[in-house]
Amino acid sequence: MSNHPLLKVEISQLSIAERIQLAEDLWDSILERQDELTLTDAQKQELDRRLENYQQEPTSGSTWEEVKQRLGFS
């Protein structure tokens, strides 16, 4: 059994598809209550910094394909 009191199954016993669905369902449940999420001042400043960098140089980042390649996923 899982160590989490709300989970009644061992996560490793689920198929990959079932685990992906579980992760999606969990994320969706968080998004439904996103008004409860709060950011620290440091997080807000970092997001502002990243947004400003992007606005100044929108092509300076990496594409998703480039990131996957760097990580060895493609």
N, C-alpha and C. Protein backbone atom coordinates (compact mmCIF):
# COMPACT_ATOMS: atom_id res chain seq x y z
N MET A 1 0.83 -1.19 0.00
CA MET A 1 0.00 0.00 0.00
C MET A 1 0.87 1.25 0.00
N SER A 2 0.31 2.30 -0.48
CA SER A 2 1.02 3.57 -0.49
C SER A 2 1.15 4.12 0.92
N ASN A 3 2.17 4.93 1.15
CA ASN A 3 2.33 5.56 2.45
C ASN A 3 1.35 6.71 2.66
N HIS A 4 0.72 7.17 1.60
CA HIS A 4 -0.22 8.29 1.72
C HIS A 4 -1.56 7.75 2.18
N PRO A 5 -2.12 8.34 3.23
CA PRO A 5 -3.36 7.79 3.81
C PRO A 5 -4.57 7.83 2.88
N LEU A 6 -4.58 8.69 1.87
CA LEU A 6 -5.74 8.78 1.00
C LEU A 6 -5.68 7.81 -0.18
N LEU A 7 -4.49 7.30 -0.47
CA LEU A 7 -4.34 6.39 -1.60
C LEU A 7 -4.51 4.95 -1.14
N LYS A 8 -5.40 4.24 -1.79
CA LYS A 8 -5.72 2.87 -1.39
C LYS A 8 -4.99 1.83 -2.24
N VAL A 9 -4.16 2.27 -3.19
CA VAL A 9 -3.42 1.35 -4.03
C VAL A 9 -1.95 1.73 -4.04
N GLU A 10 -1.12 0.78 -4.36
CA GLU A 10 0.29 1.05 -4.53
C GLU A 10 0.47 1.67 -5.92
N ILE A 11 0.99 2.87 -5.97
CA ILE A 11 1.10 3.59 -7.23
C ILE A 11 1.90 2.80 -8.25
N SER A 12 2.94 2.11 -7.80
CA SER A 12 3.77 1.35 -8.74
C SER A 12 3.00 0.21 -9.39
N GLN A 13 1.85 -0.17 -8.84
CA GLN A 13 1.04 -1.23 -9.43
C GLN A 13 0.15 -0.72 -10.56
N LEU A 14 0.03 0.59 -10.67
CA LEU A 14 -0.78 1.17 -11.75
C LEU A 14 0.01 1.14 -13.05
N SER A 15 -0.70 1.07 -14.16
CA SER A 15 -0.03 1.15 -15.46
C SER A 15 0.48 2.57 -15.66
N ILE A 16 1.36 2.74 -16.61
CA ILE A 16 1.88 4.07 -16.93
C ILE A 16 0.72 5.00 -17.28
N ALA A 17 -0.21 4.51 -18.09
CA ALA A 17 -1.35 5.34 -18.50
C ALA A 17 -2.18 5.75 -17.29
N GLU A 18 -2.37 4.83 -16.36
CA GLU A 18 -3.15 5.14 -15.15
C GLU A 18 -2.42 6.17 -14.28
N ARG A 19 -1.10 6.05 -14.19
CA ARG A 19 -0.33 7.02 -13.39
C ARG A 19 -0.36 8.40 -14.03
N ILE A 20 -0.28 8.43 -15.36
CA ILE A 20 -0.37 9.73 -16.05
C ILE A 20 -1.73 10.35 -15.80
N GLN A 21 -2.78 9.54 -15.89
CA GLN A 21 -4.13 10.05 -15.65
C GLN A 21 -4.27 10.54 -14.22
N LEU A 22 -3.68 9.82 -13.27
CA LEU A 22 -3.72 10.24 -11.87
C LEU A 22 -3.04 11.59 -11.69
N ALA A 23 -1.88 11.76 -12.33
CA ALA A 23 -1.15 13.03 -12.24
C ALA A 23 -1.97 14.16 -12.86
N GLU A 24 -2.60 13.89 -14.00
CA GLU A 24 -3.43 14.91 -14.64
C GLU A 24 -4.62 15.27 -13.75
N ASP A 25 -5.25 14.27 -13.18
CA ASP A 25 -6.40 14.52 -12.31
C ASP A 25 -5.99 15.34 -11.09
N LEU A 26 -4.84 15.00 -10.52
CA LEU A 26 -4.34 15.74 -9.37
C LEU A 26 -4.07 17.19 -9.74
N TRP A 27 -3.39 17.41 -10.88
CA TRP A 27 -3.10 18.77 -11.32
C TRP A 27 -4.39 19.55 -11.58
N ASP A 28 -5.35 18.91 -12.24
CA ASP A 28 -6.63 19.58 -12.51
C ASP A 28 -7.32 19.99 -11.20
N SER A 29 -7.22 19.14 -10.19
CA SER A 29 -7.86 19.48 -8.91
C SER A 29 -7.19 20.68 -8.26
N ILE A 30 -5.89 20.85 -8.49
CA ILE A 30 -5.19 22.02 -7.97
C ILE A 30 -5.62 23.26 -8.74
N LEU A 31 -5.71 23.15 -10.05
CA LEU A 31 -6.10 24.30 -10.87
C LEU A 31 -7.50 24.80 -10.54
N GLU A 32 -8.37 23.89 -10.13
CA GLU A 32 -9.74 24.28 -9.78
C GLU A 32 -9.75 25.23 -8.58
N ARG A 33 -8.70 25.19 -7.78
CA ARG A 33 -8.65 26.03 -6.58
C ARG A 33 -7.41 26.92 -6.58
N GLN A 34 -7.00 27.36 -7.78
CA GLN A 34 -5.76 28.12 -7.90
C GLN A 34 -5.81 29.46 -7.19
N ASP A 35 -7.00 29.94 -6.87
CA ASP A 35 -7.09 31.19 -6.12
C ASP A 35 -6.51 31.03 -4.70
N GLU A 36 -6.33 29.80 -4.26
CA GLU A 36 -5.76 29.54 -2.94
C GLU A 36 -4.23 29.50 -2.97
N LEU A 37 -3.66 29.47 -4.17
CA LEU A 37 -2.21 29.42 -4.29
C LEU A 37 -1.62 30.80 -4.05
N THR A 38 -0.59 30.86 -3.28
CA THR A 38 0.08 32.13 -3.05
C THR A 38 1.56 31.99 -3.38
N LEU A 39 2.13 33.04 -3.90
CA LEU A 39 3.55 33.09 -4.21
C LEU A 39 4.27 33.95 -3.20
N THR A 40 5.50 33.58 -2.91
CA THR A 40 6.31 34.43 -2.05
C THR A 40 6.76 35.64 -2.87
N ASP A 41 7.23 36.67 -2.20
CA ASP A 41 7.76 37.83 -2.90
C ASP A 41 8.92 37.43 -3.80
N ALA A 42 9.77 36.53 -3.32
CA ALA A 42 10.91 36.07 -4.12
C ALA A 42 10.44 35.36 -5.39
N GLN A 43 9.39 34.55 -5.29
CA GLN A 43 8.85 33.87 -6.47
C GLN A 43 8.26 34.88 -7.46
N LYS A 44 7.54 35.86 -6.95
CA LYS A 44 6.97 36.89 -7.82
C LYS A 44 8.08 37.66 -8.54
N GLN A 45 9.14 38.00 -7.81
CA GLN A 45 10.25 38.73 -8.41
C GLN A 45 10.93 37.90 -9.49
N GLU A 46 11.09 36.61 -9.24
CA GLU A 46 11.72 35.73 -10.23
C GLU A 46 10.85 35.61 -11.47
N LEU A 47 9.55 35.48 -11.30
CA LEU A 47 8.65 35.42 -12.45
C LEU A 47 8.69 36.72 -13.24
N ASP A 48 8.70 37.86 -12.54
CA ASP A 48 8.79 39.15 -13.21
C ASP A 48 10.10 39.27 -13.99
N ARG A 49 11.20 38.79 -13.39
CA ARG A 49 12.51 38.84 -14.04
C ARG A 49 12.50 38.00 -15.31
N ARG A 50 11.95 36.81 -15.22
CA ARG A 50 11.90 35.92 -16.39
C ARG A 50 11.01 36.49 -17.48
N LEU A 51 9.88 37.08 -17.10
CA LEU A 51 8.99 37.69 -18.09
C LEU A 51 9.68 38.86 -18.78
N GLU A 52 10.37 39.69 -18.02
CA GLU A 52 11.09 40.82 -18.60
C GLU A 52 12.17 40.32 -19.56
N ASN A 53 12.91 39.30 -19.18
CA ASN A 53 13.93 38.73 -20.07
C ASN A 53 13.31 38.22 -21.36
N TYR A 54 12.19 37.55 -21.24
CA TYR A 54 11.51 37.03 -22.43
C TYR A 54 11.04 38.18 -23.33
N GLN A 55 10.46 39.21 -22.74
CA GLN A 55 9.95 40.33 -23.53
C GLN A 55 11.08 41.06 -24.25
N GLN A 56 12.26 41.12 -23.64
CA GLN A 56 13.39 41.79 -24.26
C GLN A 56 14.02 40.92 -25.35
N GLU A 57 13.99 39.61 -25.18
CA GLU A 57 14.64 38.70 -26.13
C GLU A 57 13.82 37.42 -26.27
N PRO A 58 12.68 37.49 -26.99
CA PRO A 58 11.76 36.35 -27.04
C PRO A 58 12.33 35.10 -27.71
N THR A 59 13.38 35.21 -28.48
CA THR A 59 13.94 34.04 -29.14
C THR A 59 15.16 33.47 -28.43
N SER A 60 15.48 33.98 -27.25
CA SER A 60 16.69 33.54 -26.56
C SER A 60 16.54 32.20 -25.84
N GLY A 61 15.34 31.75 -25.64
CA GLY A 61 15.12 30.50 -24.92
C GLY A 61 15.27 29.29 -25.82
N SER A 62 14.97 28.13 -25.27
CA SER A 62 15.05 26.88 -26.00
C SER A 62 13.66 26.38 -26.33
N THR A 63 13.54 25.71 -27.46
CA THR A 63 12.27 25.07 -27.80
C THR A 63 12.13 23.81 -26.96
N TRP A 64 10.92 23.28 -26.87
CA TRP A 64 10.69 22.05 -26.13
C TRP A 64 11.51 20.92 -26.74
N GLU A 65 11.61 20.89 -28.08
CA GLU A 65 12.39 19.85 -28.74
C GLU A 65 13.86 19.94 -28.35
N GLU A 66 14.41 21.15 -28.26
CA GLU A 66 15.80 21.32 -27.86
C GLU A 66 16.02 20.86 -26.41
N VAL A 67 15.09 21.16 -25.54
CA VAL A 67 15.21 20.74 -24.15
C VAL A 67 15.19 19.23 -24.05
N LYS A 68 14.24 18.58 -24.75
CA LYS A 68 14.16 17.12 -24.72
C LYS A 68 15.45 16.49 -25.24
N GLN A 69 16.00 17.08 -26.30
CA GLN A 69 17.25 16.55 -26.88
C GLN A 69 18.39 16.67 -25.88
N ARG A 70 18.51 17.83 -25.22
CA ARG A 70 19.56 18.03 -24.21
C ARG A 70 19.45 17.02 -23.07
N LEU A 71 18.21 16.69 -22.73
CA LEU A 71 17.97 15.76 -21.63
C LEU A 71 18.04 14.29 -22.08
N GLY A 72 18.22 14.08 -23.38
CA GLY A 72 18.34 12.73 -23.90
C GLY A 72 17.02 12.01 -24.11
N PHE A 73 15.94 12.78 -24.32
CA PHE A 73 14.63 12.16 -24.52
C PHE A 73 14.21 12.08 -25.97
N SER A 74 15.07 12.46 -26.89
CA SER A 74 14.65 12.35 -28.29
C SER A 74 15.73 11.75 -29.12
